[in-house]
Amino acid sequence: MKTPKPFWEEKKLSEMTVPEWESLCDSCGKCCLNKIEDEDTHEILYTNAVCNLIDFKTCRCTRYKERQTLVPDCLDLKDNFTQYHWLPSTCAYRILSEGRALPSWHPLISGTMDSVDEAGVSIRSYAVYENTVDDILDHIIEWL
């Protein structure tokens, strides 16, 4: 008997249930970093300044269900969203939208949330709360 494939290999992002969708989040925190769009090139530039609602221990939002009310610019990626190219290259939503396989460090593959930190993917070691930043342009970062 064949072992069934995991849901992320069988379904499109748009076909996933809310629990399946939510389980794809690896809690790296990168989507909560402030971003700037270059007006000339439309390139998305990430900063190390993170939303004040994030918990650095879990890299999860402390007010997830109310986040869009509290932070009007916060996006709900599941809500009719199809453009994932601006997300970090390590993000499961982007990875799957591009037809790539989840990396070995992803919690759905590794079986542990610790693998995200161990792989150096989490923002824990470099992020600062946005309310501590004077000039956001001084906080632009680049990933390899």
C-alpha atoms as a PDB file:
ATOM      1  CA  MET A   1       0.000   0.000   0.000  1.00  0.00           C
ATOM      2  CA  LYS A   2       1.326   3.447  -0.967  1.00  0.00           C
ATOM      3  CA  THR A   3       1.842   6.013   1.739  1.00  0.00           C
ATOM      4  CA  PRO A   4      -0.316   9.043   1.000  1.00  0.00           C
ATOM      5  CA  LYS A   5       1.516  12.236   0.132  1.00  0.00           C
ATOM      6  CA  PRO A   6       1.357  15.083   2.636  1.00  0.00           C
ATOM      7  CA  PHE A   7      -1.362  17.666   2.008  1.00  0.00           C
ATOM      8  CA  TRP A   8       1.131  20.328   0.858  1.00  0.00           C
ATOM      9  CA  GLU A   9       2.219  18.046  -1.984  1.00  0.00           C
ATOM     10  CA  GLU A  10      -1.348  17.203  -2.993  1.00  0.00           C
ATOM     11  CA  LYS A  11      -3.166  20.528  -2.722  1.00  0.00           C
ATOM     12  CA  LYS A  12      -2.756  23.996  -4.149  1.00  0.00           C
ATOM     13  CA  LEU A  13      -2.490  26.760  -1.561  1.00  0.00           C
ATOM     14  CA  SER A  14      -5.987  27.921  -2.491  1.00  0.00           C
ATOM     15  CA  GLU A  15      -7.398  24.442  -1.756  1.00  0.00           C
ATOM     16  CA  MET A  16      -6.007  24.133   1.765  1.00  0.00           C
ATOM     17  CA  THR A  17      -8.134  24.233   4.871  1.00  0.00           C
ATOM     18  CA  VAL A  18      -7.380  26.927   7.439  1.00  0.00           C
ATOM     19  CA  PRO A  19      -5.585  24.435   9.760  1.00  0.00           C
ATOM     20  CA  GLU A  20      -3.486  23.129   6.845  1.00  0.00           C
ATOM     21  CA  TRP A  21      -2.661  26.683   5.780  1.00  0.00           C
ATOM     22  CA  GLU A  22      -1.711  27.741   9.287  1.00  0.00           C
ATOM     23  CA  SER A  23       0.513  24.676   9.756  1.00  0.00           C
ATOM     24  CA  LEU A  24       2.657  25.846   6.820  1.00  0.00           C
ATOM     25  CA  CYS A  25       3.841  28.829   8.850  1.00  0.00           C
ATOM     26  CA  ASP A  26       7.273  27.975  10.248  1.00  0.00           C
ATOM     27  CA  SER A  27       7.191  30.863  12.758  1.00  0.00           C
ATOM     28  CA  CYS A  28      10.313  32.503  11.356  1.00  0.00           C
ATOM     29  CA  GLY A  29       8.743  35.969  11.805  1.00  0.00           C
ATOM     30  CA  LYS A  30      10.057  37.351   8.504  1.00  0.00           C
ATOM     31  CA  CYS A  31       6.617  38.318   7.229  1.00  0.00           C
ATOM     32  CA  CYS A  32       6.236  40.584  10.277  1.00  0.00           C
ATOM     33  CA  LEU A  33       9.346  42.583   9.408  1.00  0.00           C
ATOM     34  CA  ASN A  34       8.692  46.077   8.060  1.00  0.00           C
ATOM     35  CA  LYS A  35       9.183  46.311   4.317  1.00  0.00           C
ATOM     36  CA  ILE A  36       9.827  49.210   1.967  1.00  0.00           C
ATOM     37  CA  GLU A  37       9.063  49.201  -1.742  1.00  0.00           C
ATOM     38  CA  ASP A  38      11.582  50.962  -3.957  1.00  0.00           C
ATOM     39  CA  GLU A  39       9.473  53.390  -5.990  1.00  0.00           C
ATOM     40  CA  ASP A  40      11.695  53.093  -9.070  1.00  0.00           C
ATOM     41  CA  THR A  41      12.329  49.344  -9.229  1.00  0.00           C
ATOM     42  CA  HIS A  42       9.350  48.081  -7.180  1.00  0.00           C
ATOM     43  CA  GLU A  43      11.832  45.874  -5.338  1.00  0.00           C
ATOM     44  CA  ILE A  44      10.750  44.953  -1.812  1.00  0.00           C
ATOM     45  CA  LEU A  45      13.408  45.839   0.757  1.00  0.00           C
ATOM     46  CA  TYR A  46      13.234  44.173   4.152  1.00  0.00           C
ATOM     47  CA  THR A  47      14.241  45.820   7.398  1.00  0.00           C
ATOM     48  CA  ASN A  48      15.128  44.272  10.728  1.00  0.00           C
ATOM     49  CA  ALA A  49      12.336  46.288  12.376  1.00  0.00           C
ATOM     50  CA  VAL A  50       9.499  43.995  13.327  1.00  0.00           C
ATOM     51  CA  CYS A  51       5.891  44.633  14.280  1.00  0.00           C
ATOM     52  CA  ASN A  52       5.449  45.364  17.976  1.00  0.00           C
ATOM     53  CA  LEU A  53       2.913  42.533  18.267  1.00  0.00           C
ATOM     54  CA  ILE A  54       5.453  39.773  17.698  1.00  0.00           C
ATOM     55  CA  ASP A  55       6.639  37.577  20.558  1.00  0.00           C
ATOM     56  CA  PHE A  56      10.381  37.010  20.159  1.00  0.00           C
ATOM     57  CA  LYS A  57      10.216  33.649  21.964  1.00  0.00           C
ATOM     58  CA  THR A  58       7.743  32.145  19.497  1.00  0.00           C
ATOM     59  CA  CYS A  59       8.094  34.563  16.544  1.00  0.00           C
ATOM     60  CA  ARG A  60       4.309  34.540  16.426  1.00  0.00           C
ATOM     61  CA  CYS A  61       1.845  37.388  16.688  1.00  0.00           C
ATOM     62  CA  THR A  62       0.577  37.960  20.216  1.00  0.00           C
ATOM     63  CA  ARG A  63      -2.751  39.266  18.879  1.00  0.00           C
ATOM     64  CA  TYR A  64      -3.112  37.154  15.734  1.00  0.00           C
ATOM     65  CA  LYS A  65      -6.913  37.191  15.478  1.00  0.00           C
ATOM     66  CA  GLU A  66      -7.075  40.986  15.912  1.00  0.00           C
ATOM     67  CA  ARG A  67      -3.885  41.859  14.052  1.00  0.00           C
ATOM     68  CA  GLN A  68      -5.568  43.423  11.031  1.00  0.00           C
ATOM     69  CA  THR A  69      -7.614  45.714  13.233  1.00  0.00           C
ATOM     70  CA  LEU A  70      -4.622  46.676  15.361  1.00  0.00           C
ATOM     71  CA  VAL A  71      -2.215  46.932  12.420  1.00  0.00           C
ATOM     72  CA  PRO A  72      -4.178  48.026   9.318  1.00  0.00           C
ATOM     73  CA  ASP A  73      -1.264  47.221   6.948  1.00  0.00           C
ATOM     74  CA  CYS A  74      -1.073  43.612   8.161  1.00  0.00           C
ATOM     75  CA  LEU A  75      -2.024  41.216   5.380  1.00  0.00           C
ATOM     76  CA  ASP A  76      -4.055  38.041   5.606  1.00  0.00           C
ATOM     77  CA  LEU A  77      -2.198  35.805   3.172  1.00  0.00           C
ATOM     78  CA  LYS A  78      -5.036  33.261   3.028  1.00  0.00           C
ATOM     79  CA  ASP A  79      -7.689  35.830   2.119  1.00  0.00           C
ATOM     80  CA  ASN A  80      -7.801  35.878  -1.703  1.00  0.00           C
ATOM     81  CA  PHE A  81      -4.060  36.334  -1.896  1.00  0.00           C
ATOM     82  CA  THR A  82      -2.087  35.061  -4.877  1.00  0.00           C
ATOM     83  CA  GLN A  83       1.103  37.134  -5.027  1.00  0.00           C
ATOM     84  CA  TYR A  84       3.820  35.456  -2.964  1.00  0.00           C
ATOM     85  CA  HIS A  85       6.927  36.697  -4.801  1.00  0.00           C
ATOM     86  CA  TRP A  86       7.578  39.419  -2.209  1.00  0.00           C
ATOM     87  CA  LEU A  87       7.757  36.955   0.661  1.00  0.00           C
ATOM     88  CA  PRO A  88      11.191  35.709   1.749  1.00  0.00           C
ATOM     89  CA  SER A  89      12.567  32.845  -0.338  1.00  0.00           C
ATOM     90  CA  THR A  90      12.407  30.649   2.787  1.00  0.00           C
ATOM     91  CA  CYS A  91       8.652  31.130   3.271  1.00  0.00           C
ATOM     92  CA  ALA A  92       6.594  27.960   2.776  1.00  0.00           C
ATOM     93  CA  TYR A  93       3.823  29.882   1.013  1.00  0.00           C
ATOM     94  CA  ARG A  94       6.278  31.244  -1.550  1.00  0.00           C
ATOM     95  CA  ILE A  95       8.135  27.930  -1.830  1.00  0.00           C
ATOM     96  CA  LEU A  96       4.942  26.000  -2.567  1.00  0.00           C
ATOM     97  CA  SER A  97       3.566  28.685  -4.902  1.00  0.00           C
ATOM     98  CA  GLU A  98       6.787  28.327  -6.924  1.00  0.00           C
ATOM     99  CA  GLY A  99       6.422  24.531  -7.085  1.00  0.00           C
ATOM    100  CA  ARG A 100       9.412  23.824  -4.834  1.00  0.00           C
ATOM    101  CA  ALA A 101       9.630  21.295  -1.992  1.00  0.00           C
ATOM    102  CA  LEU A 102       9.645  22.329   1.645  1.00  0.00           C
ATOM    103  CA  PRO A 103      13.193  22.430   3.044  1.00  0.00           C
ATOM    104  CA  SER A 104      14.417  19.834   5.547  1.00  0.00           C
ATOM    105  CA  TRP A 105      14.370  22.393   8.380  1.00  0.00           C
ATOM    106  CA  HIS A 106      10.668  23.171   7.949  1.00  0.00           C
ATOM    107  CA  PRO A 107       8.731  21.931  11.028  1.00  0.00           C
ATOM    108  CA  LEU A 108       6.360  19.836   8.888  1.00  0.00           C
ATOM    109  CA  ILE A 109       9.416  17.932   7.616  1.00  0.00           C
ATOM    110  CA  SER A 110      11.677  18.005  10.691  1.00  0.00           C
ATOM    111  CA  GLY A 111       8.924  17.450  13.235  1.00  0.00           C
ATOM    112  CA  THR A 112      10.149  20.256  15.500  1.00  0.00           C
ATOM    113  CA  MET A 113       9.880  24.036  15.626  1.00  0.00           C
ATOM    114  CA  ASP A 114      13.486  24.191  16.875  1.00  0.00           C
ATOM    115  CA  SER A 115      14.734  23.373  13.376  1.00  0.00           C
ATOM    116  CA  VAL A 116      13.825  26.884  12.167  1.00  0.00           C
ATOM    117  CA  ASP A 117      16.226  28.482  14.653  1.00  0.00           C
ATOM    118  CA  GLU A 118      18.850  25.795  14.139  1.00  0.00           C
ATOM    119  CA  ALA A 119      18.814  26.519  10.397  1.00  0.00           C
ATOM    120  CA  GLY A 120      19.253  30.250  11.066  1.00  0.00           C
ATOM    121  CA  VAL A 121      15.938  31.156   9.427  1.00  0.00           C
ATOM    122  CA  SER A 122      14.265  32.851  12.401  1.00  0.00           C
ATOM    123  CA  ILE A 123      14.423  36.621  13.020  1.00  0.00           C
ATOM    124  CA  ARG A 124      15.172  36.140  16.729  1.00  0.00           C
ATOM    125  CA  SER A 125      18.875  36.968  16.481  1.00  0.00           C
ATOM    126  CA  TYR A 126      18.580  40.276  14.615  1.00  0.00           C
ATOM    127  CA  ALA A 127      15.123  41.831  14.763  1.00  0.00           C
ATOM    128  CA  VAL A 128      14.243  44.924  16.788  1.00  0.00           C
ATOM    129  CA  TYR A 129      10.789  46.275  17.587  1.00  0.00           C
ATOM    130  CA  GLU A 130       9.655  48.963  15.163  1.00  0.00           C
ATOM    131  CA  ASN A 131       8.831  51.372  17.986  1.00  0.00           C
ATOM    132  CA  THR A 132      12.566  51.503  18.842  1.00  0.00           C
ATOM    133  CA  VAL A 133      13.559  52.639  15.336  1.00  0.00           C
ATOM    134  CA  ASP A 134      14.119  56.301  14.451  1.00  0.00           C
ATOM    135  CA  ASP A 135      14.814  56.011  10.707  1.00  0.00           C
ATOM    136  CA  ILE A 136      13.540  52.856   9.026  1.00  0.00           C
ATOM    137  CA  LEU A 137      15.985  53.356   6.138  1.00  0.00           C
ATOM    138  CA  ASP A 138      18.846  52.700   8.568  1.00  0.00           C
ATOM    139  CA  HIS A 139      17.437  49.211   9.172  1.00  0.00           C
ATOM    140  CA  ILE A 140      17.335  47.760   5.650  1.00  0.00           C
ATOM    141  CA  ILE A 141      18.808  44.254   5.564  1.00  0.00           C
ATOM    142  CA  GLU A 142      19.825  41.845   2.820  1.00  0.00           C
ATOM    143  CA  TRP A 143      19.556  38.072   2.893  1.00  0.00           C
ATOM    144  CA  LEU A 144      21.917  35.801   1.019  1.00  0.00           C
END
